[in-house]
Amino acid sequence: MFIVLLKYVKPLNEIDALLPDHINYLEDQYAKSKFIFSGRRNPRTGGVILVNTDSEKELRAILQKDPFYIHKVAEYETIEFTPTKFDPQFTCFIEKN
């Protein structure tokens, strides 16, 4: 899994103009079961996404489809981790069929 930290590098009016496309992108990744959660950072300087993949190559391919990435309005920091303890409600994200 990966935690992705987005940091806005452009003014919020540029972010807001891309927000509808970014939301569509997020919804697509949720439909593919790649995103577990996402949201704004507080204060509003970027966002956070928990990504359900064990491949850095796949992660890069996913992130390159984000309108924020395409239009270079955000920088991305990725943190790979292996979940070793988790609430049983999250088993479906951890155990591969």
C-alpha atoms as a PDB file:
ATOM      1  CA  MET A   1       0.000   0.000   0.000  1.00  0.00           C
ATOM      2  CA  PHE A   2       0.972   3.589  -0.422  1.00  0.00           C
ATOM      3  CA  ILE A   3       0.141   6.829   1.284  1.00  0.00           C
ATOM      4  CA  VAL A   4       0.236   9.667  -1.227  1.00  0.00           C
ATOM      5  CA  LEU A   5       0.672  13.223   0.025  1.00  0.00           C
ATOM      6  CA  LEU A   6      -0.224  15.966  -2.433  1.00  0.00           C
ATOM      7  CA  LYS A   7       1.145  19.477  -1.996  1.00  0.00           C
ATOM      8  CA  TYR A   8      -0.409  22.250  -4.063  1.00  0.00           C
ATOM      9  CA  VAL A   9       2.156  24.301  -5.960  1.00  0.00           C
ATOM     10  CA  LYS A  10      -0.316  26.613  -7.713  1.00  0.00           C
ATOM     11  CA  PRO A  11      -2.926  29.036  -6.329  1.00  0.00           C
ATOM     12  CA  LEU A  12      -6.207  27.594  -5.067  1.00  0.00           C
ATOM     13  CA  ASN A  13      -8.163  29.148  -7.946  1.00  0.00           C
ATOM     14  CA  GLU A  14      -6.191  26.887 -10.336  1.00  0.00           C
ATOM     15  CA  ILE A  15      -6.842  23.904  -8.047  1.00  0.00           C
ATOM     16  CA  ASP A  16     -10.560  24.694  -7.878  1.00  0.00           C
ATOM     17  CA  ALA A  17     -10.805  24.956 -11.675  1.00  0.00           C
ATOM     18  CA  LEU A  18      -9.521  21.359 -11.946  1.00  0.00           C
ATOM     19  CA  LEU A  19     -11.516  20.007  -9.009  1.00  0.00           C
ATOM     20  CA  PRO A  20     -14.451  18.519 -11.009  1.00  0.00           C
ATOM     21  CA  ASP A  21     -12.009  16.548 -13.204  1.00  0.00           C
ATOM     22  CA  HIS A  22      -9.997  15.525 -10.135  1.00  0.00           C
ATOM     23  CA  ILE A  23     -13.161  14.240  -8.434  1.00  0.00           C
ATOM     24  CA  ASN A  24     -14.016  12.178 -11.537  1.00  0.00           C
ATOM     25  CA  TYR A  25     -10.490  10.756 -11.436  1.00  0.00           C
ATOM     26  CA  LEU A  26     -10.917   9.844  -7.747  1.00  0.00           C
ATOM     27  CA  GLU A  27     -14.278   8.187  -8.413  1.00  0.00           C
ATOM     28  CA  ASP A  28     -12.727   6.120 -11.206  1.00  0.00           C
ATOM     29  CA  GLN A  29      -9.969   4.877  -8.902  1.00  0.00           C
ATOM     30  CA  TYR A  30     -12.491   4.021  -6.169  1.00  0.00           C
ATOM     31  CA  ALA A  31     -14.513   2.036  -8.732  1.00  0.00           C
ATOM     32  CA  LYS A  32     -11.340   0.078  -9.534  1.00  0.00           C
ATOM     33  CA  SER A  33     -10.763  -0.547  -5.787  1.00  0.00           C
ATOM     34  CA  LYS A  34      -7.424   1.241  -5.920  1.00  0.00           C
ATOM     35  CA  PHE A  35      -8.227   4.092  -3.507  1.00  0.00           C
ATOM     36  CA  ILE A  36      -9.271   3.399   0.081  1.00  0.00           C
ATOM     37  CA  PHE A  37      -9.628   6.975   1.272  1.00  0.00           C
ATOM     38  CA  SER A  38      -8.792  10.481   0.148  1.00  0.00           C
ATOM     39  CA  GLY A  39      -9.269  13.994   1.419  1.00  0.00           C
ATOM     40  CA  ARG A  40      -7.971  17.500   1.837  1.00  0.00           C
ATOM     41  CA  ARG A  41      -5.150  18.390   4.157  1.00  0.00           C
ATOM     42  CA  ASN A  42      -5.908  20.934   6.871  1.00  0.00           C
ATOM     43  CA  PRO A  43      -5.011  23.677   6.269  1.00  0.00           C
ATOM     44  CA  ARG A  44      -5.883  23.302   2.569  1.00  0.00           C
ATOM     45  CA  THR A  45      -2.363  22.882   1.202  1.00  0.00           C
ATOM     46  CA  GLY A  46      -2.940  19.590  -0.613  1.00  0.00           C
ATOM     47  CA  GLY A  47      -4.440  16.169  -0.074  1.00  0.00           C
ATOM     48  CA  VAL A  48      -3.907  12.626   1.158  1.00  0.00           C
ATOM     49  CA  ILE A  49      -4.773   9.358  -0.599  1.00  0.00           C
ATOM     50  CA  LEU A  50      -4.404   5.783   0.627  1.00  0.00           C
ATOM     51  CA  VAL A  51      -3.756   3.597  -2.419  1.00  0.00           C
ATOM     52  CA  ASN A  52      -4.337  -0.155  -2.513  1.00  0.00           C
ATOM     53  CA  THR A  53      -1.509  -1.444  -4.695  1.00  0.00           C
ATOM     54  CA  ASP A  54       1.767  -3.200  -3.988  1.00  0.00           C
ATOM     55  CA  SER A  55       3.439  -2.014  -7.177  1.00  0.00           C
ATOM     56  CA  GLU A  56       5.238   1.307  -7.418  1.00  0.00           C
ATOM     57  CA  LYS A  57       4.970   1.052 -11.209  1.00  0.00           C
ATOM     58  CA  GLU A  58       1.182   0.752 -10.993  1.00  0.00           C
ATOM     59  CA  LEU A  59       1.048   3.611  -8.484  1.00  0.00           C
ATOM     60  CA  ARG A  60       2.940   5.912 -10.881  1.00  0.00           C
ATOM     61  CA  ALA A  61       0.578   4.963 -13.721  1.00  0.00           C
ATOM     62  CA  ILE A  62      -2.432   5.752 -11.515  1.00  0.00           C
ATOM     63  CA  LEU A  63      -1.073   9.109 -10.354  1.00  0.00           C
ATOM     64  CA  GLN A  64      -0.161  10.195 -13.880  1.00  0.00           C
ATOM     65  CA  LYS A  65      -3.884  10.158 -14.741  1.00  0.00           C
ATOM     66  CA  ASP A  66      -4.718  12.727 -12.059  1.00  0.00           C
ATOM     67  CA  PRO A  67      -5.621  16.122 -13.590  1.00  0.00           C
ATOM     68  CA  PHE A  68      -3.609  17.741 -10.776  1.00  0.00           C
ATOM     69  CA  TYR A  69      -0.563  15.799 -12.007  1.00  0.00           C
ATOM     70  CA  ILE A  70      -1.272  16.418 -15.692  1.00  0.00           C
ATOM     71  CA  HIS A  71      -1.570  20.188 -15.159  1.00  0.00           C
ATOM     72  CA  LYS A  72       1.343  20.299 -12.689  1.00  0.00           C
ATOM     73  CA  VAL A  73      -0.611  21.988  -9.905  1.00  0.00           C
ATOM     74  CA  ALA A  74       0.534  19.538  -7.212  1.00  0.00           C
ATOM     75  CA  GLU A  75       3.641  17.671  -6.147  1.00  0.00           C
ATOM     76  CA  TYR A  76       3.371  14.076  -4.926  1.00  0.00           C
ATOM     77  CA  GLU A  77       5.188  12.357  -2.085  1.00  0.00           C
ATOM     78  CA  THR A  78       4.653   8.610  -1.838  1.00  0.00           C
ATOM     79  CA  ILE A  79       5.201   6.440   1.204  1.00  0.00           C
ATOM     80  CA  GLU A  80       5.129   2.678   0.721  1.00  0.00           C
ATOM     81  CA  PHE A  81       4.176   0.547   3.698  1.00  0.00           C
ATOM     82  CA  THR A  82       3.121  -2.981   4.543  1.00  0.00           C
ATOM     83  CA  PRO A  83       0.069  -3.161   6.812  1.00  0.00           C
ATOM     84  CA  THR A  84       0.832  -5.647   9.585  1.00  0.00           C
ATOM     85  CA  LYS A  85      -1.977  -4.740  11.998  1.00  0.00           C
ATOM     86  CA  PHE A  86      -5.410  -3.573  10.938  1.00  0.00           C
ATOM     87  CA  ASP A  87      -9.022  -3.480  12.001  1.00  0.00           C
ATOM     88  CA  PRO A  88     -10.799  -6.630  10.763  1.00  0.00           C
ATOM     89  CA  GLN A  89     -13.150  -4.392   8.757  1.00  0.00           C
ATOM     90  CA  PHE A  90     -10.220  -3.678   6.441  1.00  0.00           C
ATOM     91  CA  THR A  91      -9.378  -7.314   5.712  1.00  0.00           C
ATOM     92  CA  CYS A  92     -10.749  -7.005   2.176  1.00  0.00           C
ATOM     93  CA  PHE A  93      -8.006  -4.492   1.366  1.00  0.00           C
ATOM     94  CA  ILE A  94      -5.204  -6.530   2.887  1.00  0.00           C
ATOM     95  CA  GLU A  95      -5.850 -10.122   1.857  1.00  0.00           C
ATOM     96  CA  LYS A  96      -5.507 -10.806  -1.856  1.00  0.00           C
ATOM     97  CA  ASN A  97      -7.848 -13.376  -3.359  1.00  0.00           C
END
